[in-house]
Amino acid sequence: ANNTAASIPTSASSSSTPLKKFDLVFVDQYMSGSNEQKMLGTETVAEMRRRGVTCRLCGLSANSLELDFQKAGADAFLVKPFPSNKHVLINTLASILKGSGGTTTSTGGSSS
C-alpha cells in the first residue's frame, strides 16, 4: 500500500474489527449483504469519507450514477459492465489509481 492508502474497517458492523490498508476500493451501488440494514453504494462512500477514509473509492453501477457517487465523495466511477479487455482494464485501473481518470463507460469488453 502506498501513502494514499487508508485504513478502513473490514466490517461495517464492528469497530473492533482489525483494520486493513487499501489503495482502491470498488463500491457497487446495490451490494448484497446479510440481514443487517443495507446501504446503497453512494451512502457507503459518504459514510467511508465521514469516517476519514482517504483511499481511492470507485463507484460501480449499471445505471448512470456518476454524479451521485461524485457528490458522495467517490474519486471515480465505472459503468458496468466495465471493459474486460486486459489492456483496456489495466489502463482504466492505472488511470483511477493515478487520479487522472474519473469515469469509464462500458465498451462491451470487445476493445482490442
PDB file of N, CA and C in Angstrom:
ATOM      1  N   ALA A   1       0.842  -1.189   0.000  1.00  0.00           N
ATOM      2  CA  ALA A   1       0.000   0.000   0.000  1.00  0.00           C
ATOM      3  C   ALA A   1       0.872   1.232   0.000  1.00  0.00           C
ATOM      4  N   ASN A   2       0.455   2.242  -0.717  1.00  0.00           N
ATOM      5  CA  ASN A   2       1.248   3.466  -0.778  1.00  0.00           C
ATOM      6  C   ASN A   2       0.709   4.499   0.196  1.00  0.00           C
ATOM      7  N   ASN A   3       1.251   5.703   0.128  1.00  0.00           N
ATOM      8  CA  ASN A   3       0.868   6.720   1.101  1.00  0.00           C
ATOM      9  C   ASN A   3      -0.545   7.263   0.901  1.00  0.00           C
ATOM     10  N   THR A   4      -1.236   6.894  -0.184  1.00  0.00           N
ATOM     11  CA  THR A   4      -2.614   7.334  -0.368  1.00  0.00           C
ATOM     12  C   THR A   4      -3.597   6.335   0.217  1.00  0.00           C
ATOM     13  N   ALA A   5      -3.083   5.200   0.681  1.00  0.00           N
ATOM     14  CA  ALA A   5      -3.957   4.174   1.241  1.00  0.00           C
ATOM     15  C   ALA A   5      -4.495   4.634   2.587  1.00  0.00           C
ATOM     16  N   ALA A   6      -5.620   4.079   2.958  1.00  0.00           N
ATOM     17  CA  ALA A   6      -6.222   4.413   4.245  1.00  0.00           C
ATOM     18  C   ALA A   6      -6.658   3.149   4.941  1.00  0.00           C
ATOM     19  N   SER A   7      -6.718   3.204   6.231  1.00  0.00           N
ATOM     20  CA  SER A   7      -7.236   2.076   6.998  1.00  0.00           C
ATOM     21  C   SER A   7      -8.748   2.188   7.034  1.00  0.00           C
ATOM     22  N   ILE A   8      -9.414   1.100   6.713  1.00  0.00           N
ATOM     23  CA  ILE A   8     -10.868   1.082   6.785  1.00  0.00           C
ATOM     24  C   ILE A   8     -11.307  -0.175   7.490  1.00  0.00           C
ATOM     25  N   PRO A   9     -12.412  -0.122   8.200  1.00  0.00           N
ATOM     26  CA  PRO A   9     -12.907  -1.325   8.855  1.00  0.00           C
ATOM     27  C   PRO A   9     -13.259  -2.380   7.824  1.00  0.00           C
ATOM     28  N   THR A  10     -12.959  -3.649   8.136  1.00  0.00           N
ATOM     29  CA  THR A  10     -13.308  -4.724   7.224  1.00  0.00           C
ATOM     30  C   THR A  10     -14.751  -5.153   7.411  1.00  0.00           C
ATOM     31  N   SER A  11     -15.416  -4.597   8.404  1.00  0.00           N
ATOM     32  CA  SER A  11     -16.826  -4.885   8.650  1.00  0.00           C
ATOM     33  C   SER A  11     -17.505  -3.612   9.120  1.00  0.00           C
ATOM     34  N   ALA A  12     -18.642  -3.310   8.524  1.00  0.00           N
ATOM     35  CA  ALA A  12     -19.354  -2.095   8.920  1.00  0.00           C
ATOM     36  C   ALA A  12     -20.011  -2.236  10.281  1.00  0.00           C
ATOM     37  N   SER A  13     -20.161  -3.471  10.751  1.00  0.00           N
ATOM     38  CA  SER A  13     -20.905  -3.688  11.983  1.00  0.00           C
ATOM     39  C   SER A  13     -20.037  -3.706  13.236  1.00  0.00           C
ATOM     40  N   SER A  14     -18.715  -3.677  13.092  1.00  0.00           N
ATOM     41  CA  SER A  14     -17.866  -3.794  14.265  1.00  0.00           C
ATOM     42  C   SER A  14     -16.692  -2.835  14.206  1.00  0.00           C
ATOM     43  N   SER A  15     -16.617  -1.957  15.185  1.00  0.00           N
ATOM     44  CA  SER A  15     -15.492  -1.029  15.226  1.00  0.00           C
ATOM     45  C   SER A  15     -14.252  -1.693  15.808  1.00  0.00           C
ATOM     46  N   SER A  16     -14.379  -2.909  16.357  1.00  0.00           N
ATOM     47  CA  SER A  16     -13.228  -3.606  16.912  1.00  0.00           C
ATOM     48  C   SER A  16     -12.579  -4.532  15.887  1.00  0.00           C
ATOM     49  N   THR A  17     -13.087  -4.540  14.665  1.00  0.00           N
ATOM     50  CA  THR A  17     -12.526  -5.365  13.609  1.00  0.00           C
ATOM     51  C   THR A  17     -11.158  -4.824  13.216  1.00  0.00           C
ATOM     52  N   PRO A  18     -10.180  -5.714  12.975  1.00  0.00           N
ATOM     53  CA  PRO A  18      -8.853  -5.240  12.566  1.00  0.00           C
ATOM     54  C   PRO A  18      -8.939  -4.396  11.299  1.00  0.00           C
ATOM     55  N   LEU A  19      -8.052  -3.409  11.190  1.00  0.00           N
ATOM     56  CA  LEU A  19      -8.034  -2.536  10.029  1.00  0.00           C
ATOM     57  C   LEU A  19      -7.073  -3.069   8.982  1.00  0.00           C
ATOM     58  N   LYS A  20      -7.404  -2.876   7.721  1.00  0.00           N
ATOM     59  CA  LYS A  20      -6.545  -3.246   6.611  1.00  0.00           C
ATOM     60  C   LYS A  20      -6.316  -2.006   5.761  1.00  0.00           C
ATOM     61  N   LYS A  21      -5.194  -1.968   5.051  1.00  0.00           N
ATOM     62  CA  LYS A  21      -4.874  -0.840   4.182  1.00  0.00           C
ATOM     63  C   LYS A  21      -5.233  -1.196   2.746  1.00  0.00           C
ATOM     64  N   PHE A  22      -5.863  -0.249   2.062  1.00  0.00           N
ATOM     65  CA  PHE A  22      -6.243  -0.422   0.670  1.00  0.00           C
ATOM     66  C   PHE A  22      -5.836   0.814  -0.118  1.00  0.00           C
ATOM     67  N   ASP A  23      -5.471   0.619  -1.390  1.00  0.00           N
ATOM     68  CA  ASP A  23      -5.194   1.731  -2.294  1.00  0.00           C
ATOM     69  C   ASP A  23      -6.460   2.125  -3.047  1.00  0.00           C
ATOM     70  N   LEU A  24      -7.319   1.136  -3.323  1.00  0.00           N
ATOM     71  CA  LEU A  24      -8.513   1.351  -4.124  1.00  0.00           C
ATOM     72  C   LEU A  24      -9.617   0.434  -3.622  1.00  0.00           C
ATOM     73  N   VAL A  25     -10.811   0.993  -3.472  1.00  0.00           N
ATOM     74  CA  VAL A  25     -11.974   0.205  -3.063  1.00  0.00           C
ATOM     75  C   VAL A  25     -13.078   0.453  -4.088  1.00  0.00           C
ATOM     76  N   PHE A  26     -13.619  -0.643  -4.641  1.00  0.00           N
ATOM     77  CA  PHE A  26     -14.766  -0.550  -5.540  1.00  0.00           C
ATOM     78  C   PHE A  26     -16.030  -0.668  -4.705  1.00  0.00           C
ATOM     79  N   VAL A  27     -16.994   0.210  -4.974  1.00  0.00           N
ATOM     80  CA  VAL A  27     -18.242   0.222  -4.217  1.00  0.00           C
ATOM     81  C   VAL A  27     -19.403   0.170  -5.207  1.00  0.00           C
ATOM     82  N   ASP A  28     -20.114  -0.957  -5.209  1.00  0.00           N
ATOM     83  CA  ASP A  28     -21.261  -1.117  -6.092  1.00  0.00           C
ATOM     84  C   ASP A  28     -22.465  -0.407  -5.484  1.00  0.00           C
ATOM     85  N   GLN A  29     -23.313   0.167  -6.315  1.00  0.00           N
ATOM     86  CA  GLN A  29     -24.494   0.872  -5.821  1.00  0.00           C
ATOM     87  C   GLN A  29     -25.430  -0.066  -5.065  1.00  0.00           C
ATOM     88  N   TYR A  30     -25.598  -1.270  -5.586  1.00  0.00           N
ATOM     89  CA  TYR A  30     -26.509  -2.230  -4.944  1.00  0.00           C
ATOM     90  C   TYR A  30     -25.695  -3.437  -4.509  1.00  0.00           C
ATOM     91  N   MET A  31     -25.284  -3.444  -3.257  1.00  0.00           N
ATOM     92  CA  MET A  31     -24.453  -4.517  -2.718  1.00  0.00           C
ATOM     93  C   MET A  31     -25.319  -5.512  -1.976  1.00  0.00           C
ATOM     94  N   SER A  32     -25.022  -6.779  -2.198  1.00  0.00           N
ATOM     95  CA  SER A  32     -25.740  -7.799  -1.435  1.00  0.00           C
ATOM     96  C   SER A  32     -25.098  -7.899  -0.061  1.00  0.00           C
ATOM     97  N   GLY A  33     -25.845  -8.395   0.879  1.00  0.00           N
ATOM     98  CA  GLY A  33     -25.311  -8.498   2.229  1.00  0.00           C
ATOM     99  C   GLY A  33     -26.170  -9.390   3.092  1.00  0.00           C
ATOM    100  N   SER A  34     -25.856  -9.379   4.350  1.00  0.00           N
ATOM    101  CA  SER A  34     -26.603 -10.182   5.308  1.00  0.00           C
ATOM    102  C   SER A  34     -27.931  -9.502   5.619  1.00  0.00           C
ATOM    103  N   ASN A  35     -28.559  -9.923   6.678  1.00  0.00           N
ATOM    104  CA  ASN A  35     -29.843  -9.353   7.073  1.00  0.00           C
ATOM    105  C   ASN A  35     -29.712  -7.977   7.728  1.00  0.00           C
ATOM    106  N   GLU A  36     -28.475  -7.511   7.924  1.00  0.00           N
ATOM    107  CA  GLU A  36     -28.279  -6.188   8.511  1.00  0.00           C
ATOM    108  C   GLU A  36     -28.836  -5.136   7.554  1.00  0.00           C
ATOM    109  N   GLN A  37     -29.029  -3.949   8.056  1.00  0.00           N
ATOM    110  CA  GLN A  37     -29.520  -2.857   7.224  1.00  0.00           C
ATOM    111  C   GLN A  37     -28.560  -2.638   6.062  1.00  0.00           C
ATOM    112  N   LYS A  38     -29.101  -2.623   4.855  1.00  0.00           N
ATOM    113  CA  LYS A  38     -28.272  -2.449   3.672  1.00  0.00           C
ATOM    114  C   LYS A  38     -28.194  -0.979   3.303  1.00  0.00           C
ATOM    115  N   MET A  39     -27.001  -0.566   2.894  1.00  0.00           N
ATOM    116  CA  MET A  39     -26.786   0.805   2.448  1.00  0.00           C
ATOM    117  C   MET A  39     -26.537   0.784   0.947  1.00  0.00           C
ATOM    118  N   LEU A  40     -26.947   1.830   0.268  1.00  0.00           N
ATOM    119  CA  LEU A  40     -26.598   1.979  -1.133  1.00  0.00           C
ATOM    120  C   LEU A  40     -25.117   2.304  -1.235  1.00  0.00           C
ATOM    121  N   GLY A  41     -24.540   2.069  -2.396  1.00  0.00           N
ATOM    122  CA  GLY A  41     -23.124   2.360  -2.596  1.00  0.00           C
ATOM    123  C   GLY A  41     -22.785   3.813  -2.347  1.00  0.00           C
ATOM    124  N   THR A  42     -23.666   4.714  -2.788  1.00  0.00           N
ATOM    125  CA  THR A  42     -23.422   6.144  -2.562  1.00  0.00           C
ATOM    126  C   THR A  42     -23.444   6.471  -1.070  1.00  0.00           C
ATOM    127  N   GLU A  43     -24.317   5.826  -0.326  1.00  0.00           N
ATOM    128  CA  GLU A  43     -24.369   6.028   1.133  1.00  0.00           C
ATOM    129  C   GLU A  43     -23.109   5.465   1.789  1.00  0.00           C
ATOM    130  N   THR A  44     -22.640   4.337   1.273  1.00  0.00           N
ATOM    131  CA  THR A  44     -21.428   3.717   1.811  1.00  0.00           C
ATOM    132  C   THR A  44     -20.224   4.616   1.582  1.00  0.00           C
ATOM    133  N   VAL A  45     -20.099   5.177   0.387  1.00  0.00           N
ATOM    134  CA  VAL A  45     -18.995   6.089   0.082  1.00  0.00           C
ATOM    135  C   VAL A  45     -19.031   7.297   1.021  1.00  0.00           C
ATOM    136  N   ALA A  46     -20.202   7.890   1.173  1.00  0.00           N
ATOM    137  CA  ALA A  46     -20.331   9.054   2.054  1.00  0.00           C
ATOM    138  C   ALA A  46     -19.944   8.695   3.484  1.00  0.00           C
ATOM    139  N   GLU A  47     -20.365   7.535   3.956  1.00  0.00           N
ATOM    140  CA  GLU A  47     -20.029   7.096   5.320  1.00  0.00           C
ATOM    141  C   GLU A  47     -18.534   6.835   5.456  1.00  0.00           C
ATOM    142  N   MET A  48     -17.933   6.223   4.446  1.00  0.00           N
ATOM    143  CA  MET A  48     -16.491   5.978   4.493  1.00  0.00           C
ATOM    144  C   MET A  48     -15.724   7.295   4.563  1.00  0.00           C
ATOM    145  N   ARG A  49     -16.135   8.274   3.786  1.00  0.00           N
ATOM    146  CA  ARG A  49     -15.477   9.586   3.825  1.00  0.00           C
ATOM    147  C   ARG A  49     -15.698  10.250   5.176  1.00  0.00           C
ATOM    148  N   ARG A  50     -16.913  10.111   5.717  1.00  0.00           N
ATOM    149  CA  ARG A  50     -17.216  10.687   7.033  1.00  0.00           C
ATOM    150  C   ARG A  50     -16.302  10.098   8.101  1.00  0.00           C
ATOM    151  N   ARG A  51     -15.963   8.822   7.943  1.00  0.00           N
ATOM    152  CA  ARG A  51     -15.085   8.143   8.901  1.00  0.00           C
ATOM    153  C   ARG A  51     -13.610   8.396   8.643  1.00  0.00           C
ATOM    154  N   GLY A  52     -13.312   9.208   7.643  1.00  0.00           N
ATOM    155  CA  GLY A  52     -11.927   9.582   7.385  1.00  0.00           C
ATOM    156  C   GLY A  52     -11.175   8.725   6.389  1.00  0.00           C
ATOM    157  N   VAL A  53     -11.865   7.877   5.656  1.00  0.00           N
ATOM    158  CA  VAL A  53     -11.196   7.048   4.656  1.00  0.00           C
ATOM    159  C   VAL A  53     -10.702   7.951   3.528  1.00  0.00           C
ATOM    160  N   THR A  54      -9.413   7.822   3.187  1.00  0.00           N
ATOM    161  CA  THR A  54      -8.822   8.690   2.173  1.00  0.00           C
ATOM    162  C   THR A  54      -8.356   7.936   0.931  1.00  0.00           C
ATOM    163  N   CYS A  55      -8.461   6.605   0.930  1.00  0.00           N
ATOM    164  CA  CYS A  55      -8.032   5.863  -0.249  1.00  0.00           C
ATOM    165  C   CYS A  55      -8.959   6.157  -1.426  1.00  0.00           C
ATOM    166  N   ARG A  56      -8.552   5.775  -2.611  1.00  0.00           N
ATOM    167  CA  ARG A  56      -9.356   5.988  -3.810  1.00  0.00           C
ATOM    168  C   ARG A  56     -10.609   5.126  -3.722  1.00  0.00           C
ATOM    169  N   LEU A  57     -11.769   5.713  -3.978  1.00  0.00           N
ATOM    170  CA  LEU A  57     -13.043   4.989  -3.990  1.00  0.00           C
ATOM    171  C   LEU A  57     -13.631   5.107  -5.390  1.00  0.00           C
ATOM    172  N   CYS A  58     -14.015   3.964  -5.951  1.00  0.00           N
ATOM    173  CA  CYS A  58     -14.581   3.926  -7.293  1.00  0.00           C
ATOM    174  C   CYS A  58     -15.980   3.332  -7.239  1.00  0.00           C
ATOM    175  N   GLY A  59     -16.976   4.121  -7.609  1.00  0.00           N
ATOM    176  CA  GLY A  59     -18.345   3.647  -7.659  1.00  0.00           C
ATOM    177  C   GLY A  59     -18.585   2.780  -8.875  1.00  0.00           C
ATOM    178  N   LEU A  60     -19.467   1.803  -8.724  1.00  0.00           N
ATOM    179  CA  LEU A  60     -19.831   0.896  -9.818  1.00  0.00           C
ATOM    180  C   LEU A  60     -21.343   0.835  -9.923  1.00  0.00           C
ATOM    181  N   SER A  61     -21.863   0.877 -11.138  1.00  0.00           N
ATOM    182  CA  SER A  61     -23.289   0.698 -11.340  1.00  0.00           C
ATOM    183  C   SER A  61     -23.566   0.487 -12.820  1.00  0.00           C
ATOM    184  N   ALA A  62     -24.632  -0.239 -13.105  1.00  0.00           N
ATOM    185  CA  ALA A  62     -25.100  -0.361 -14.482  1.00  0.00           C
ATOM    186  C   ALA A  62     -25.926   0.859 -14.858  1.00  0.00           C
ATOM    187  N   ASN A  63     -26.248   1.683 -13.872  1.00  0.00           N
ATOM    188  CA  ASN A  63     -27.032   2.905 -14.090  1.00  0.00           C
ATOM    189  C   ASN A  63     -26.099   4.112 -14.137  1.00  0.00           C
ATOM    190  N   SER A  64     -26.568   5.180 -14.689  1.00  0.00           N
ATOM    191  CA  SER A  64     -25.780   6.407 -14.800  1.00  0.00           C
ATOM    192  C   SER A  64     -25.835   7.164 -13.474  1.00  0.00           C
ATOM    193  N   LEU A  65     -24.924   6.817 -12.566  1.00  0.00           N
ATOM    194  CA  LEU A  65     -24.916   7.417 -11.226  1.00  0.00           C
ATOM    195  C   LEU A  65     -23.612   8.153 -10.923  1.00  0.00           C
ATOM    196  N   GLU A  66     -22.902   8.546 -11.959  1.00  0.00           N
ATOM    197  CA  GLU A  66     -21.613   9.207 -11.763  1.00  0.00           C
ATOM    198  C   GLU A  66     -21.722  10.406 -10.841  1.00  0.00           C
ATOM    199  N   LEU A  67     -22.685  11.289 -11.072  1.00  0.00           N
ATOM    200  CA  LEU A  67     -22.816  12.492 -10.250  1.00  0.00           C
ATOM    201  C   LEU A  67     -23.173  12.158  -8.810  1.00  0.00           C
ATOM    202  N   ASP A  68     -24.013  11.146  -8.610  1.00  0.00           N
ATOM    203  CA  ASP A  68     -24.376  10.723  -7.255  1.00  0.00           C
ATOM    204  C   ASP A  68     -23.146  10.233  -6.494  1.00  0.00           C
ATOM    205  N   PHE A  69     -22.310   9.408  -7.146  1.00  0.00           N
ATOM    206  CA  PHE A  69     -21.093   8.927  -6.491  1.00  0.00           C
ATOM    207  C   PHE A  69     -20.116  10.065  -6.266  1.00  0.00           C
ATOM    208  N   GLN A  70     -20.017  10.967  -7.224  1.00  0.00           N
ATOM    209  CA  GLN A  70     -19.123  12.115  -7.085  1.00  0.00           C
ATOM    210  C   GLN A  70     -19.531  12.969  -5.889  1.00  0.00           C
ATOM    211  N   LYS A  71     -20.824  13.263  -5.765  1.00  0.00           N
ATOM    212  CA  LYS A  71     -21.319  14.049  -4.632  1.00  0.00           C
ATOM    213  C   LYS A  71     -21.070  13.343  -3.302  1.00  0.00           C
ATOM    214  N   ALA A  72     -21.106  12.009  -3.314  1.00  0.00           N
ATOM    215  CA  ALA A  72     -20.891  11.233  -2.090  1.00  0.00           C
ATOM    216  C   ALA A  72     -19.423  11.204  -1.686  1.00  0.00           C
ATOM    217  N   GLY A  73     -18.518  11.510  -2.642  1.00  0.00           N
ATOM    218  CA  GLY A  73     -17.097  11.534  -2.316  1.00  0.00           C
ATOM    219  C   GLY A  73     -16.239  10.543  -3.068  1.00  0.00           C
ATOM    220  N   ALA A  74     -16.814   9.845  -4.057  1.00  0.00           N
ATOM    221  CA  ALA A  74     -16.028   8.884  -4.836  1.00  0.00           C
ATOM    222  C   ALA A  74     -15.043   9.615  -5.739  1.00  0.00           C
ATOM    223  N   ASP A  75     -13.911   8.975  -5.990  1.00  0.00           N
ATOM    224  CA  ASP A  75     -12.876   9.539  -6.853  1.00  0.00           C
ATOM    225  C   ASP A  75     -13.105   9.197  -8.316  1.00  0.00           C
ATOM    226  N   ALA A  76     -13.821   8.104  -8.559  1.00  0.00           N
ATOM    227  CA  ALA A  76     -14.015   7.627  -9.923  1.00  0.00           C
ATOM    228  C   ALA A  76     -15.324   6.857  -9.999  1.00  0.00           C
ATOM    229  N   PHE A  77     -15.734   6.556 -11.213  1.00  0.00           N
ATOM    230  CA  PHE A  77     -16.962   5.812 -11.433  1.00  0.00           C
ATOM    231  C   PHE A  77     -16.813   4.974 -12.692  1.00  0.00           C
ATOM    232  N   LEU A  78     -17.237   3.725 -12.625  1.00  0.00           N
ATOM    233  CA  LEU A  78     -17.241   2.839 -13.779  1.00  0.00           C
ATOM    234  C   LEU A  78     -18.655   2.344 -14.023  1.00  0.00           C
ATOM    235  N   VAL A  79     -19.079   2.401 -15.279  1.00  0.00           N
ATOM    236  CA  VAL A  79     -20.364   1.845 -15.663  1.00  0.00           C
ATOM    237  C   VAL A  79     -20.164   0.360 -15.924  1.00  0.00           C
ATOM    238  N   LYS A  80     -21.044  -0.465 -15.362  1.00  0.00           N
ATOM    239  CA  LYS A  80     -20.975  -1.912 -15.597  1.00  0.00           C
ATOM    240  C   LYS A  80     -21.785  -2.262 -16.837  1.00  0.00           C
ATOM    241  N   PRO A  81     -21.399  -3.230 -17.611  1.00  0.00           N
ATOM    242  CA  PRO A  81     -20.145  -3.967 -17.425  1.00  0.00           C
ATOM    243  C   PRO A  81     -18.961  -3.118 -17.875  1.00  0.00           C
ATOM    244  N   PHE A  82     -17.886  -3.156 -17.089  1.00  0.00           N
ATOM    245  CA  PHE A  82     -16.715  -2.379 -17.452  1.00  0.00           C
ATOM    246  C   PHE A  82     -15.823  -3.220 -18.362  1.00  0.00           C
ATOM    247  N   PRO A  83     -14.833  -2.612 -19.008  1.00  0.00           N
ATOM    248  CA  PRO A  83     -14.027  -3.311 -20.016  1.00  0.00           C
ATOM    249  C   PRO A  83     -13.390  -4.584 -19.486  1.00  0.00           C
ATOM    250  N   SER A  84     -13.472  -5.655 -20.285  1.00  0.00           N
ATOM    251  CA  SER A  84     -12.847  -6.910 -19.893  1.00  0.00           C
ATOM    252  C   SER A  84     -11.565  -7.168 -20.677  1.00  0.00           C
ATOM    253  N   ASN A  85     -11.300  -6.365 -21.694  1.00  0.00           N
ATOM    254  CA  ASN A  85     -10.054  -6.477 -22.431  1.00  0.00           C
ATOM    255  C   ASN A  85      -8.913  -6.140 -21.475  1.00  0.00           C
ATOM    256  N   LYS A  86      -7.921  -7.021 -21.403  1.00  0.00           N
ATOM    257  CA  LYS A  86      -6.835  -6.885 -20.430  1.00  0.00           C
ATOM    258  C   LYS A  86      -6.157  -5.516 -20.486  1.00  0.00           C
ATOM    259  N   HIS A  87      -5.811  -5.045 -21.674  1.00  0.00           N
ATOM    260  CA  HIS A  87      -5.086  -3.778 -21.790  1.00  0.00           C
ATOM    261  C   HIS A  87      -5.970  -2.585 -21.427  1.00  0.00           C
ATOM    262  N   VAL A  88      -7.228  -2.627 -21.837  1.00  0.00           N
ATOM    263  CA  VAL A  88      -8.155  -1.542 -21.501  1.00  0.00           C
ATOM    264  C   VAL A  88      -8.386  -1.510 -20.000  1.00  0.00           C
ATOM    265  N   LEU A  89      -8.572  -2.678 -19.385  1.00  0.00           N
ATOM    266  CA  LEU A  89      -8.803  -2.751 -17.941  1.00  0.00           C
ATOM    267  C   LEU A  89      -7.584  -2.262 -17.160  1.00  0.00           C
ATOM    268  N   ILE A  90      -6.401  -2.668 -17.565  1.00  0.00           N
ATOM    269  CA  ILE A  90      -5.174  -2.223 -16.894  1.00  0.00           C
ATOM    270  C   ILE A  90      -5.034  -0.702 -16.991  1.00  0.00           C
ATOM    271  N   ASN A  91      -5.275  -0.156 -18.180  1.00  0.00           N
ATOM    272  CA  ASN A  91      -5.180   1.303 -18.356  1.00  0.00           C
ATOM    273  C   ASN A  91      -6.234   2.038 -17.536  1.00  0.00           C
ATOM    274  N   THR A  92      -7.439   1.474 -17.471  1.00  0.00           N
ATOM    275  CA  THR A  92      -8.513   2.083 -16.686  1.00  0.00           C
ATOM    276  C   THR A  92      -8.147   2.105 -15.210  1.00  0.00           C
ATOM    277  N   LEU A  93      -7.671   0.971 -14.680  1.00  0.00           N
ATOM    278  CA  LEU A  93      -7.285   0.899 -13.270  1.00  0.00           C
ATOM    279  C   LEU A  93      -6.106   1.821 -12.965  1.00  0.00           C
ATOM    280  N   ALA A  94      -5.123   1.866 -13.855  1.00  0.00           N
ATOM    281  CA  ALA A  94      -3.978   2.757 -13.648  1.00  0.00           C
ATOM    282  C   ALA A  94      -4.430   4.213 -13.623  1.00  0.00           C
ATOM    283  N   SER A  95      -5.355   4.562 -14.491  1.00  0.00           N
ATOM    284  CA  SER A  95      -5.875   5.924 -14.539  1.00  0.00           C
ATOM    285  C   SER A  95      -6.586   6.284 -13.240  1.00  0.00           C
ATOM    286  N   ILE A  96      -7.381   5.354 -12.714  1.00  0.00           N
ATOM    287  CA  ILE A  96      -8.089   5.596 -11.456  1.00  0.00           C
ATOM    288  C   ILE A  96      -7.092   5.758 -10.307  1.00  0.00           C
ATOM    289  N   LEU A  97      -6.097   4.885 -10.250  1.00  0.00           N
ATOM    290  CA  LEU A  97      -5.123   4.943  -9.159  1.00  0.00           C
ATOM    291  C   LEU A  97      -4.270   6.209  -9.215  1.00  0.00           C
ATOM    292  N   LYS A  98      -3.980   6.693 -10.410  1.00  0.00           N
ATOM    293  CA  LYS A  98      -3.189   7.924 -10.556  1.00  0.00           C
ATOM    294  C   LYS A  98      -4.031   9.164 -10.319  1.00  0.00           C
ATOM    295  N   GLY A  99      -5.338   8.996 -10.356  1.00  0.00           N
ATOM    296  CA  GLY A  99      -6.209  10.137 -10.162  1.00  0.00           C
ATOM    297  C   GLY A  99      -6.437  10.946 -11.422  1.00  0.00           C
ATOM    298  N   SER A 100      -6.041  10.399 -12.570  1.00  0.00           N
ATOM    299  CA  SER A 100      -6.193  11.162 -13.811  1.00  0.00           C
ATOM    300  C   SER A 100      -7.439  10.774 -14.587  1.00  0.00           C
ATOM    301  N   GLY A 101      -8.169   9.783 -14.093  1.00  0.00           N
ATOM    302  CA  GLY A 101      -9.385   9.373 -14.793  1.00  0.00           C
ATOM    303  C   GLY A 101     -10.535   9.286 -13.823  1.00  0.00           C
ATOM    304  N   GLY A 102     -11.703   9.622 -14.283  1.00  0.00           N
ATOM    305  CA  GLY A 102     -12.818   9.611 -13.375  1.00  0.00           C
ATOM    306  C   GLY A 102     -13.937   8.704 -13.774  1.00  0.00           C
ATOM    307  N   THR A 103     -14.271   8.664 -15.053  1.00  0.00           N
ATOM    308  CA  THR A 103     -15.428   7.911 -15.476  1.00  0.00           C
ATOM    309  C   THR A 103     -15.091   7.083 -16.687  1.00  0.00           C
ATOM    310  N   THR A 104     -15.543   5.863 -16.682  1.00  0.00           N
ATOM    311  CA  THR A 104     -15.377   4.995 -17.830  1.00  0.00           C
ATOM    312  C   THR A 104     -16.730   4.398 -18.139  1.00  0.00           C
ATOM    313  N   THR A 105     -17.121   4.491 -19.384  1.00  0.00           N
ATOM    314  CA  THR A 105     -18.364   3.864 -19.790  1.00  0.00           C
ATOM    315  C   THR A 105     -18.049   2.491 -20.355  1.00  0.00           C
ATOM    316  N   SER A 106     -19.051   1.665 -20.446  1.00  0.00           N
ATOM    317  CA  SER A 106     -18.881   0.314 -20.928  1.00  0.00           C
ATOM    318  C   SER A 106     -18.411   0.298 -22.373  1.00  0.00           C
ATOM    319  N   THR A 107     -17.455  -0.591 -22.656  1.00  0.00           N
ATOM    320  CA  THR A 107     -17.008  -0.798 -24.028  1.00  0.00           C
ATOM    321  C   THR A 107     -17.472  -2.153 -24.519  1.00  0.00           C
ATOM    322  N   GLY A 108     -18.232  -2.843 -23.691  1.00  0.00           N
ATOM    323  CA  GLY A 108     -18.691  -4.169 -24.071  1.00  0.00           C
ATOM    324  C   GLY A 108     -17.611  -5.217 -24.020  1.00  0.00           C
ATOM    325  N   GLY A 109     -16.398  -4.827 -23.597  1.00  0.00           N
ATOM    326  CA  GLY A 109     -15.321  -5.783 -23.471  1.00  0.00           C
ATOM    327  C   GLY A 109     -14.749  -6.231 -24.798  1.00  0.00           C
ATOM    328  N   SER A 110     -15.089  -5.555 -25.890  1.00  0.00           N
ATOM    329  CA  SER A 110     -14.627  -6.020 -27.199  1.00  0.00           C
ATOM    330  C   SER A 110     -13.487  -5.201 -27.750  1.00  0.00           C
ATOM    331  N   SER A 111     -12.910  -4.313 -26.967  1.00  0.00           N
ATOM    332  CA  SER A 111     -11.795  -3.497 -27.446  1.00  0.00           C
ATOM    333  C   SER A 111     -10.597  -4.361 -27.667  1.00  0.00           C
ATOM    334  N   SER A 112      -9.734  -3.945 -28.595  1.00  0.00           N
ATOM    335  CA  SER A 112      -8.528  -4.753 -28.864  1.00  0.00           C
ATOM    336  C   SER A 112      -7.289  -4.117 -28.300  1.00  0.00           C
TER     337      SER A 112
END
